[in-house]
Amino acid sequence: MDCFAAINTRRSIRNFLNEPIPEEDVLKIMDAGRMAPSAGNLQPCYFIAVTEPQQIQLLKEAALGQEHVGQAPCNIVVCVDPERSAHYGDVGRNYLCLLDAANATQNMLLAATALGHGSCWVAGFSERRVKKLLGLPERFRVVSLIPIGKAAAEQEMRRPRRPLEEMVFWQKWHD
């Protein structure tokens, strides 16, 4: 699948089949995250694949009980070490590293789509609980969870998008 096909067909999947994801696919998806751009190429991101059923259920609890987190056979937790972005001072530690993780998350969502898997960007979770569950260092930040699996059924079509003309401007803003 080419890049534009993945962009245009990707949607948030919240209902998964009980089928494992091949480890090779999980590694390809995380490698797509690794290849995302980062400020100054400082690469502050880390990815934790959660595939053990008991650990997945604990992750679901930390994700405010979201069913799709507990239903997916794999969840990738995207986190950053802000100190890797310290070259840019507080802006790097508090902002740029989070943007870098967002870049990595989107790459992984698109890679999952290209490999025929459904996924969803999850930002609703207790960061403290996720960090404790995964044994992350205190300085780390958890940015997103990505439940991945085969879609349980044909999902509802994409929600309509605003027309491009409403969003694009040339040279400067205008009403």
N, C-alpha and C. Protein backbone atom coordinates (compact mmCIF):
# COMPACT_ATOMS: atom_id res chain seq x y z
N MET A 1 0.86 -1.18 0.00
CA MET A 1 0.00 0.00 0.00
C MET A 1 0.90 1.23 0.00
N ASP A 2 0.58 2.19 -0.87
CA ASP A 2 1.41 3.40 -0.89
C ASP A 2 1.00 4.36 0.23
N CYS A 3 1.80 5.37 0.41
CA CYS A 3 1.60 6.31 1.52
C CYS A 3 0.23 6.97 1.49
N PHE A 4 -0.18 7.47 0.33
CA PHE A 4 -1.46 8.17 0.25
C PHE A 4 -2.64 7.23 0.46
N ALA A 5 -2.51 5.99 0.03
CA ALA A 5 -3.58 5.01 0.29
C ALA A 5 -3.71 4.76 1.79
N ALA A 6 -2.57 4.64 2.48
CA ALA A 6 -2.62 4.44 3.93
C ALA A 6 -3.24 5.65 4.63
N ILE A 7 -2.86 6.84 4.20
CA ILE A 7 -3.42 8.05 4.80
C ILE A 7 -4.94 8.11 4.59
N ASN A 8 -5.37 7.80 3.38
CA ASN A 8 -6.79 7.94 3.05
C ASN A 8 -7.67 6.80 3.57
N THR A 9 -7.09 5.66 3.89
CA THR A 9 -7.91 4.54 4.38
C THR A 9 -7.80 4.34 5.88
N ARG A 10 -6.80 4.92 6.53
CA ARG A 10 -6.64 4.75 7.97
C ARG A 10 -7.82 5.35 8.71
N ARG A 11 -8.30 4.64 9.70
CA ARG A 11 -9.33 5.16 10.58
C ARG A 11 -9.13 4.54 11.95
N SER A 12 -9.73 5.12 12.95
CA SER A 12 -9.58 4.62 14.31
C SER A 12 -10.45 3.38 14.49
N ILE A 13 -9.80 2.27 14.81
CA ILE A 13 -10.49 0.99 15.02
C ILE A 13 -10.58 0.75 16.52
N ARG A 14 -11.78 0.42 16.97
CA ARG A 14 -12.01 0.19 18.40
C ARG A 14 -12.67 -1.15 18.68
N ASN A 15 -12.63 -2.06 17.70
CA ASN A 15 -13.21 -3.38 17.88
C ASN A 15 -12.32 -4.38 17.13
N PHE A 16 -11.63 -5.24 17.88
CA PHE A 16 -10.62 -6.11 17.30
C PHE A 16 -10.98 -7.58 17.42
N LEU A 17 -10.49 -8.37 16.44
CA LEU A 17 -10.59 -9.82 16.52
C LEU A 17 -9.57 -10.33 17.53
N ASN A 18 -9.83 -11.50 18.08
CA ASN A 18 -8.90 -12.12 19.02
C ASN A 18 -7.87 -12.94 18.24
N GLU A 19 -7.05 -12.26 17.46
CA GLU A 19 -6.00 -12.89 16.66
C GLU A 19 -4.68 -12.18 16.96
N PRO A 20 -3.64 -12.95 17.23
CA PRO A 20 -2.35 -12.31 17.51
C PRO A 20 -1.80 -11.60 16.27
N ILE A 21 -1.00 -10.60 16.51
CA ILE A 21 -0.30 -9.88 15.45
C ILE A 21 1.09 -10.51 15.34
N PRO A 22 1.53 -10.89 14.13
CA PRO A 22 2.88 -11.46 14.01
C PRO A 22 3.94 -10.50 14.56
N GLU A 23 4.89 -11.05 15.29
CA GLU A 23 5.95 -10.23 15.87
C GLU A 23 6.67 -9.43 14.79
N GLU A 24 6.84 -10.03 13.62
CA GLU A 24 7.50 -9.34 12.51
C GLU A 24 6.74 -8.05 12.15
N ASP A 25 5.41 -8.10 12.16
CA ASP A 25 4.62 -6.91 11.87
C ASP A 25 4.76 -5.87 12.98
N VAL A 26 4.77 -6.32 14.22
CA VAL A 26 4.93 -5.38 15.35
C VAL A 26 6.28 -4.67 15.22
N LEU A 27 7.31 -5.41 14.88
CA LEU A 27 8.64 -4.79 14.72
C LEU A 27 8.66 -3.82 13.55
N LYS A 28 8.00 -4.16 12.44
CA LYS A 28 7.93 -3.24 11.30
C LYS A 28 7.21 -1.95 11.69
N ILE A 29 6.13 -2.09 12.46
CA ILE A 29 5.37 -0.92 12.89
C ILE A 29 6.23 -0.04 13.80
N MET A 30 6.94 -0.66 14.74
CA MET A 30 7.80 0.14 15.63
C MET A 30 8.97 0.74 14.87
N ASP A 31 9.46 0.05 13.84
CA ASP A 31 10.53 0.62 13.02
C ASP A 31 10.04 1.86 12.27
N ALA A 32 8.78 1.84 11.85
CA ALA A 32 8.21 3.05 11.23
C ALA A 32 8.22 4.21 12.22
N GLY A 33 7.95 3.92 13.49
CA GLY A 33 8.04 4.95 14.52
C GLY A 33 9.46 5.44 14.69
N ARG A 34 10.41 4.53 14.63
CA ARG A 34 11.82 4.89 14.76
C ARG A 34 12.26 5.84 13.66
N MET A 35 11.67 5.69 12.48
CA MET A 35 12.08 6.50 11.33
C MET A 35 11.41 7.87 11.28
N ALA A 36 10.54 8.17 12.23
CA ALA A 36 9.86 9.47 12.24
C ALA A 36 10.87 10.59 12.49
N PRO A 37 10.60 11.77 11.96
CA PRO A 37 11.50 12.89 12.23
C PRO A 37 11.44 13.30 13.70
N SER A 38 12.57 13.83 14.18
CA SER A 38 12.62 14.36 15.55
C SER A 38 13.46 15.62 15.54
N ALA A 39 13.15 16.52 16.45
CA ALA A 39 13.86 17.80 16.53
C ALA A 39 15.35 17.53 16.72
N GLY A 40 16.15 18.10 15.83
CA GLY A 40 17.59 17.94 15.91
C GLY A 40 18.06 16.51 15.77
N ASN A 41 17.20 15.63 15.27
CA ASN A 41 17.49 14.20 15.16
C ASN A 41 17.94 13.61 16.51
N LEU A 42 17.37 14.13 17.60
CA LEU A 42 17.76 13.68 18.94
C LEU A 42 17.07 12.38 19.35
N GLN A 43 16.02 11.99 18.66
CA GLN A 43 15.37 10.68 18.82
C GLN A 43 15.07 10.32 20.28
N PRO A 44 14.14 11.04 20.91
CA PRO A 44 13.83 10.79 22.32
C PRO A 44 12.83 9.66 22.56
N CYS A 45 12.32 9.04 21.50
CA CYS A 45 11.22 8.07 21.64
C CYS A 45 11.68 6.67 22.00
N TYR A 46 10.80 5.99 22.74
CA TYR A 46 10.94 4.57 23.07
C TYR A 46 9.57 3.94 22.88
N PHE A 47 9.55 2.67 22.49
CA PHE A 47 8.30 1.96 22.23
C PHE A 47 8.28 0.66 23.02
N ILE A 48 7.19 0.41 23.70
CA ILE A 48 7.03 -0.83 24.46
C ILE A 48 5.83 -1.57 23.88
N ALA A 49 6.06 -2.78 23.37
CA ALA A 49 4.98 -3.61 22.84
C ALA A 49 4.43 -4.45 23.99
N VAL A 50 3.14 -4.31 24.24
CA VAL A 50 2.47 -5.06 25.30
C VAL A 50 1.58 -6.09 24.62
N THR A 51 1.92 -7.39 24.79
CA THR A 51 1.19 -8.46 24.11
C THR A 51 0.69 -9.55 25.05
N GLU A 52 1.16 -9.56 26.29
CA GLU A 52 0.70 -10.59 27.23
C GLU A 52 -0.69 -10.21 27.74
N PRO A 53 -1.65 -11.15 27.68
CA PRO A 53 -3.04 -10.82 28.04
C PRO A 53 -3.21 -10.17 29.41
N GLN A 54 -2.51 -10.66 30.42
CA GLN A 54 -2.66 -10.07 31.76
C GLN A 54 -2.15 -8.63 31.77
N GLN A 55 -1.03 -8.39 31.11
CA GLN A 55 -0.47 -7.04 31.04
C GLN A 55 -1.39 -6.11 30.25
N ILE A 56 -2.01 -6.65 29.19
CA ILE A 56 -2.95 -5.85 28.40
C ILE A 56 -4.13 -5.42 29.26
N GLN A 57 -4.63 -6.31 30.10
CA GLN A 57 -5.77 -5.95 30.95
C GLN A 57 -5.39 -4.89 31.97
N LEU A 58 -4.18 -4.97 32.50
CA LEU A 58 -3.71 -3.93 33.42
C LEU A 58 -3.54 -2.59 32.69
N LEU A 59 -3.07 -2.67 31.45
CA LEU A 59 -2.94 -1.45 30.65
C LEU A 59 -4.32 -0.84 30.38
N LYS A 60 -5.30 -1.69 30.10
CA LYS A 60 -6.68 -1.22 29.91
C LYS A 60 -7.16 -0.45 31.14
N GLU A 61 -6.90 -0.99 32.32
CA GLU A 61 -7.30 -0.30 33.56
C GLU A 61 -6.63 1.06 33.67
N ALA A 62 -5.34 1.12 33.31
CA ALA A 62 -4.61 2.39 33.36
C ALA A 62 -5.10 3.35 32.28
N ALA A 63 -5.75 2.80 31.25
CA ALA A 63 -6.29 3.62 30.15
C ALA A 63 -7.77 3.92 30.40
N LEU A 64 -8.10 4.10 31.67
CA LEU A 64 -9.45 4.52 32.06
C LEU A 64 -10.51 3.53 31.63
N GLY A 65 -10.12 2.24 31.53
CA GLY A 65 -11.08 1.19 31.21
C GLY A 65 -11.51 1.12 29.76
N GLN A 66 -10.78 1.75 28.86
CA GLN A 66 -11.17 1.75 27.45
C GLN A 66 -11.10 0.33 26.89
N GLU A 67 -12.25 -0.16 26.43
CA GLU A 67 -12.38 -1.56 26.01
C GLU A 67 -11.44 -1.93 24.87
N HIS A 68 -11.25 -1.04 23.92
CA HIS A 68 -10.41 -1.40 22.76
C HIS A 68 -8.95 -1.61 23.16
N VAL A 69 -8.51 -0.96 24.22
CA VAL A 69 -7.14 -1.21 24.70
C VAL A 69 -7.04 -2.64 25.21
N GLY A 70 -8.05 -3.09 25.94
CA GLY A 70 -8.05 -4.45 26.48
C GLY A 70 -8.35 -5.51 25.45
N GLN A 71 -8.99 -5.14 24.37
CA GLN A 71 -9.39 -6.10 23.34
C GLN A 71 -8.28 -6.35 22.31
N ALA A 72 -7.44 -5.37 22.07
CA ALA A 72 -6.39 -5.50 21.06
C ALA A 72 -5.34 -6.52 21.50
N PRO A 73 -4.86 -7.35 20.58
CA PRO A 73 -3.83 -8.32 20.93
C PRO A 73 -2.45 -7.71 21.14
N CYS A 74 -2.29 -6.46 20.74
CA CYS A 74 -1.02 -5.76 20.93
C CYS A 74 -1.32 -4.29 21.18
N ASN A 75 -0.63 -3.72 22.14
CA ASN A 75 -0.65 -2.27 22.37
C ASN A 75 0.79 -1.79 22.35
N ILE A 76 1.05 -0.77 21.58
CA ILE A 76 2.37 -0.14 21.60
C ILE A 76 2.25 1.13 22.43
N VAL A 77 3.10 1.22 23.45
CA VAL A 77 3.13 2.40 24.31
C VAL A 77 4.29 3.28 23.82
N VAL A 78 3.96 4.51 23.48
CA VAL A 78 4.95 5.45 22.96
C VAL A 78 5.34 6.39 24.10
N CYS A 79 6.63 6.39 24.41
CA CYS A 79 7.11 7.25 25.49
C CYS A 79 8.39 7.96 25.05
N VAL A 80 8.74 8.97 25.82
CA VAL A 80 9.94 9.75 25.51
C VAL A 80 10.76 9.95 26.77
N ASP A 81 12.06 10.11 26.55
CA ASP A 81 12.96 10.56 27.60
C ASP A 81 13.24 12.03 27.31
N PRO A 82 12.60 12.95 28.04
CA PRO A 82 12.78 14.37 27.76
C PRO A 82 14.24 14.83 27.79
N GLU A 83 15.07 14.14 28.55
CA GLU A 83 16.47 14.55 28.63
C GLU A 83 17.20 14.37 27.31
N ARG A 84 16.71 13.50 26.45
CA ARG A 84 17.33 13.35 25.13
C ARG A 84 17.10 14.60 24.28
N SER A 85 16.11 15.41 24.64
CA SER A 85 15.80 16.65 23.91
C SER A 85 16.30 17.88 24.65
N ALA A 86 17.13 17.69 25.67
CA ALA A 86 17.61 18.79 26.51
C ALA A 86 18.48 19.79 25.75
N HIS A 87 18.99 19.41 24.61
CA HIS A 87 19.78 20.33 23.78
C HIS A 87 19.01 21.62 23.53
N TYR A 88 17.69 21.53 23.47
CA TYR A 88 16.83 22.69 23.23
C TYR A 88 16.24 23.26 24.53
N GLY A 89 16.84 22.92 25.66
CA GLY A 89 16.41 23.46 26.95
C GLY A 89 15.01 23.01 27.33
N ASP A 90 14.30 23.89 28.04
CA ASP A 90 12.95 23.54 28.49
C ASP A 90 11.99 23.31 27.33
N VAL A 91 12.17 24.02 26.23
CA VAL A 91 11.31 23.81 25.06
C VAL A 91 11.49 22.38 24.55
N GLY A 92 12.70 21.89 24.54
CA GLY A 92 12.96 20.52 24.11
C GLY A 92 12.37 19.50 25.06
N ARG A 93 12.59 19.73 26.37
CA ARG A 93 12.12 18.78 27.39
C ARG A 93 10.60 18.75 27.51
N ASN A 94 9.96 19.91 27.38
CA ASN A 94 8.53 20.02 27.66
C ASN A 94 7.63 20.03 26.44
N TYR A 95 8.21 20.20 25.25
CA TYR A 95 7.37 20.37 24.07
C TYR A 95 7.87 19.57 22.87
N LEU A 96 9.11 19.81 22.44
CA LEU A 96 9.59 19.19 21.22
C LEU A 96 9.59 17.67 21.29
N CYS A 97 9.96 17.11 22.44
CA CYS A 97 9.98 15.65 22.56
C CYS A 97 8.57 15.07 22.41
N LEU A 98 7.55 15.82 22.85
CA LEU A 98 6.16 15.36 22.69
C LEU A 98 5.74 15.39 21.23
N LEU A 99 6.18 16.42 20.50
CA LEU A 99 5.92 16.46 19.06
C LEU A 99 6.61 15.29 18.36
N ASP A 100 7.82 14.99 18.78
CA ASP A 100 8.54 13.86 18.19
C ASP A 100 7.77 12.56 18.38
N ALA A 101 7.20 12.38 19.57
CA ALA A 101 6.41 11.18 19.85
C ALA A 101 5.14 11.16 19.02
N ALA A 102 4.55 12.33 18.79
CA ALA A 102 3.36 12.40 17.93
C ALA A 102 3.72 12.00 16.51
N ASN A 103 4.87 12.45 16.02
CA ASN A 103 5.33 12.03 14.69
C ASN A 103 5.47 10.52 14.62
N ALA A 104 6.09 9.94 15.63
CA ALA A 104 6.30 8.49 15.67
C ALA A 104 4.97 7.75 15.73
N THR A 105 4.04 8.28 16.53
CA THR A 105 2.72 7.65 16.65
C THR A 105 2.02 7.61 15.30
N GLN A 106 2.01 8.73 14.59
CA GLN A 106 1.34 8.76 13.29
C GLN A 106 2.02 7.81 12.31
N ASN A 107 3.34 7.76 12.30
CA ASN A 107 4.02 6.80 11.42
C ASN A 107 3.57 5.38 11.72
N MET A 108 3.44 5.04 13.00
CA MET A 108 3.04 3.68 13.37
C MET A 108 1.59 3.40 13.00
N LEU A 109 0.71 4.38 13.13
CA LEU A 109 -0.68 4.19 12.72
C LEU A 109 -0.75 3.90 11.22
N LEU A 110 0.02 4.64 10.44
CA LEU A 110 0.02 4.43 8.99
C LEU A 110 0.66 3.10 8.62
N ALA A 111 1.73 2.73 9.30
CA ALA A 111 2.37 1.44 9.04
C ALA A 111 1.42 0.29 9.35
N ALA A 112 0.70 0.39 10.45
CA ALA A 112 -0.27 -0.66 10.80
C ALA A 112 -1.31 -0.79 9.69
N THR A 113 -1.80 0.34 9.20
CA THR A 113 -2.77 0.31 8.10
C THR A 113 -2.17 -0.34 6.87
N ALA A 114 -0.95 0.04 6.52
CA ALA A 114 -0.29 -0.52 5.33
C ALA A 114 -0.11 -2.03 5.44
N LEU A 115 0.02 -2.54 6.66
CA LEU A 115 0.19 -3.98 6.88
C LEU A 115 -1.14 -4.71 7.05
N GLY A 116 -2.25 -3.98 6.95
CA GLY A 116 -3.56 -4.60 7.05
C GLY A 116 -4.12 -4.71 8.45
N HIS A 117 -3.55 -3.97 9.38
CA HIS A 117 -4.02 -4.00 10.77
C HIS A 117 -4.80 -2.73 11.09
N GLY A 118 -5.74 -2.84 12.01
CA GLY A 118 -6.43 -1.68 12.52
C GLY A 118 -5.69 -1.14 13.73
N SER A 119 -5.88 0.13 14.00
CA SER A 119 -5.22 0.75 15.15
C SER A 119 -6.01 1.97 15.57
N CYS A 120 -5.61 2.53 16.71
CA CYS A 120 -6.29 3.72 17.24
C CYS A 120 -5.29 4.48 18.10
N TRP A 121 -5.30 5.79 17.98
CA TRP A 121 -4.45 6.63 18.83
C TRP A 121 -5.20 6.86 20.13
N VAL A 122 -4.61 6.45 21.24
CA VAL A 122 -5.23 6.61 22.56
C VAL A 122 -4.38 7.58 23.38
N ALA A 123 -5.03 8.66 23.82
CA ALA A 123 -4.34 9.64 24.67
C ALA A 123 -4.98 9.73 26.05
N GLY A 124 -6.06 9.01 26.27
CA GLY A 124 -6.73 9.02 27.56
C GLY A 124 -6.24 7.89 28.44
N PHE A 125 -5.36 8.22 29.39
CA PHE A 125 -4.82 7.21 30.30
C PHE A 125 -4.20 7.93 31.49
N SER A 126 -3.99 7.17 32.56
CA SER A 126 -3.27 7.69 33.72
C SER A 126 -1.78 7.48 33.46
N GLU A 127 -1.09 8.55 33.18
CA GLU A 127 0.34 8.43 32.90
C GLU A 127 1.07 7.79 34.07
N ARG A 128 0.73 8.18 35.28
CA ARG A 128 1.37 7.61 36.47
C ARG A 128 1.19 6.09 36.50
N ARG A 129 -0.02 5.62 36.25
CA ARG A 129 -0.29 4.18 36.30
C ARG A 129 0.41 3.42 35.17
N VAL A 130 0.44 4.00 33.98
CA VAL A 130 1.12 3.34 32.86
C VAL A 130 2.62 3.25 33.16
N LYS A 131 3.20 4.34 33.66
CA LYS A 131 4.63 4.33 33.99
C LYS A 131 4.95 3.26 35.03
N LYS A 132 4.10 3.17 36.06
CA LYS A 132 4.32 2.17 37.11
C LYS A 132 4.19 0.76 36.54
N LEU A 133 3.15 0.52 35.75
CA LEU A 133 2.92 -0.80 35.16
C LEU A 133 4.10 -1.27 34.33
N LEU A 134 4.68 -0.36 33.56
CA LEU A 134 5.75 -0.71 32.63
C LEU A 134 7.14 -0.52 33.22
N GLY A 135 7.23 -0.02 34.45
CA GLY A 135 8.53 0.16 35.08
C GLY A 135 9.37 1.26 34.45
N LEU A 136 8.71 2.28 33.93
CA LEU A 136 9.44 3.37 33.27
C LEU A 136 10.16 4.26 34.28
N PRO A 137 11.31 4.80 33.90
CA PRO A 137 11.98 5.77 34.76
C PRO A 137 11.08 6.97 35.01
N GLU A 138 11.21 7.58 36.16
CA GLU A 138 10.35 8.70 36.55
C GLU A 138 10.40 9.85 35.55
N ARG A 139 11.57 10.11 34.97
CA ARG A 139 11.70 11.26 34.07
C ARG A 139 10.99 11.05 32.73
N PHE A 140 10.67 9.80 32.38
CA PHE A 140 10.01 9.51 31.10
C PHE A 140 8.60 10.06 31.08
N ARG A 141 8.10 10.34 29.87
CA ARG A 141 6.71 10.73 29.65
C ARG A 141 6.06 9.69 28.73
N VAL A 142 4.83 9.34 29.06
CA VAL A 142 4.05 8.46 28.19
C VAL A 142 3.18 9.38 27.34
N VAL A 143 3.26 9.24 26.02
CA VAL A 143 2.58 10.15 25.11
C VAL A 143 1.34 9.53 24.49
N SER A 144 1.42 8.26 24.11
CA SER A 144 0.26 7.63 23.48
C SER A 144 0.30 6.12 23.65
N LEU A 145 -0.87 5.53 23.52
CA LEU A 145 -1.02 4.08 23.44
C LEU A 145 -1.61 3.80 22.06
N ILE A 146 -1.15 2.72 21.44
CA ILE A 146 -1.67 2.35 20.13
C ILE A 146 -2.13 0.90 20.18
N PRO A 147 -3.43 0.65 20.40
CA PRO A 147 -3.94 -0.71 20.28
C PRO A 147 -3.95 -1.10 18.80
N ILE A 148 -3.47 -2.32 18.52
CA ILE A 148 -3.35 -2.80 17.14
C ILE A 148 -3.92 -4.20 17.04
N GLY A 149 -4.65 -4.45 15.97
CA GLY A 149 -5.19 -5.78 15.72
C GLY A 149 -5.99 -5.80 14.44
N LYS A 150 -6.50 -6.96 14.10
CA LYS A 150 -7.39 -7.07 12.95
C LYS A 150 -8.75 -6.52 13.34
N ALA A 151 -9.33 -5.69 12.49
CA ALA A 151 -10.65 -5.13 12.77
C ALA A 151 -11.67 -6.26 12.84
N ALA A 152 -12.55 -6.21 13.85
CA ALA A 152 -13.53 -7.27 14.08
C ALA A 152 -14.57 -7.34 12.98
N ALA A 153 -14.91 -6.23 12.40
CA ALA A 153 -15.91 -6.19 11.34
C ALA A 153 -15.64 -4.95 10.51
N GLU A 154 -16.27 -4.89 9.37
CA GLU A 154 -16.15 -3.68 8.56
C GLU A 154 -16.60 -2.50 9.41
N GLN A 155 -15.71 -1.57 9.60
CA GLN A 155 -16.00 -0.43 10.46
C GLN A 155 -16.74 0.64 9.67
N GLU A 156 -17.41 1.49 10.39
CA GLU A 156 -18.11 2.62 9.79
C GLU A 156 -17.14 3.42 8.93
N MET A 157 -17.62 3.93 7.83
CA MET A 157 -16.78 4.72 6.94
C MET A 157 -16.24 5.94 7.67
N ARG A 158 -15.18 6.50 7.12
CA ARG A 158 -14.55 7.68 7.71
C ARG A 158 -15.56 8.79 7.93
N ARG A 159 -15.34 9.51 8.96
CA ARG A 159 -16.14 10.71 9.18
C ARG A 159 -15.79 11.73 8.10
N PRO A 160 -16.75 12.54 7.73
CA PRO A 160 -16.44 13.56 6.71
C PRO A 160 -15.34 14.50 7.20
N ARG A 161 -14.56 14.96 6.29
CA ARG A 161 -13.50 15.92 6.59
C ARG A 161 -13.90 17.28 6.03
N ARG A 162 -13.42 18.31 6.68
CA ARG A 162 -13.64 19.66 6.17
C ARG A 162 -13.02 19.78 4.79
N PRO A 163 -13.61 20.59 3.92
CA PRO A 163 -13.00 20.79 2.60
C PRO A 163 -11.61 21.42 2.74
N LEU A 164 -10.72 21.01 1.90
CA LEU A 164 -9.36 21.53 1.92
C LEU A 164 -9.35 23.05 1.81
N GLU A 165 -10.27 23.59 1.02
CA GLU A 165 -10.32 25.04 0.81
C GLU A 165 -10.57 25.81 2.11
N GLU A 166 -11.20 25.17 3.09
CA GLU A 166 -11.45 25.83 4.38
C GLU A 166 -10.21 25.88 5.26
N MET A 167 -9.22 25.09 4.92
CA MET A 167 -8.08 24.90 5.81
C MET A 167 -6.77 25.46 5.27
N VAL A 168 -6.72 25.72 3.98
CA VAL A 168 -5.45 26.08 3.33
C VAL A 168 -5.46 27.55 2.93
N PHE A 169 -4.35 28.20 3.21
CA PHE A 169 -4.16 29.60 2.85
C PHE A 169 -2.80 29.72 2.17
N TRP A 170 -2.68 30.70 1.32
CA TRP A 170 -1.41 30.96 0.65
C TRP A 170 -0.90 32.33 1.10
N GLN A 171 0.29 32.38 1.54
CA GLN A 171 1.03 33.57 1.94
C GLN A 171 0.60 34.15 3.28
N LYS A 172 -0.71 34.23 3.57
CA LYS A 172 -1.15 34.78 4.86
C LYS A 172 -2.59 34.35 5.14
N TRP A 173 -2.99 34.50 6.40
CA TRP A 173 -4.35 34.18 6.83
C TRP A 173 -5.34 35.19 6.24
N HIS A 174 -6.52 34.71 5.92
CA HIS A 174 -7.61 35.62 5.52
C HIS A 174 -8.94 34.97 5.87
N ASP A 175 -9.98 35.79 6.03
CA ASP A 175 -11.33 35.29 6.34
C ASP A 175 -12.08 34.94 5.08
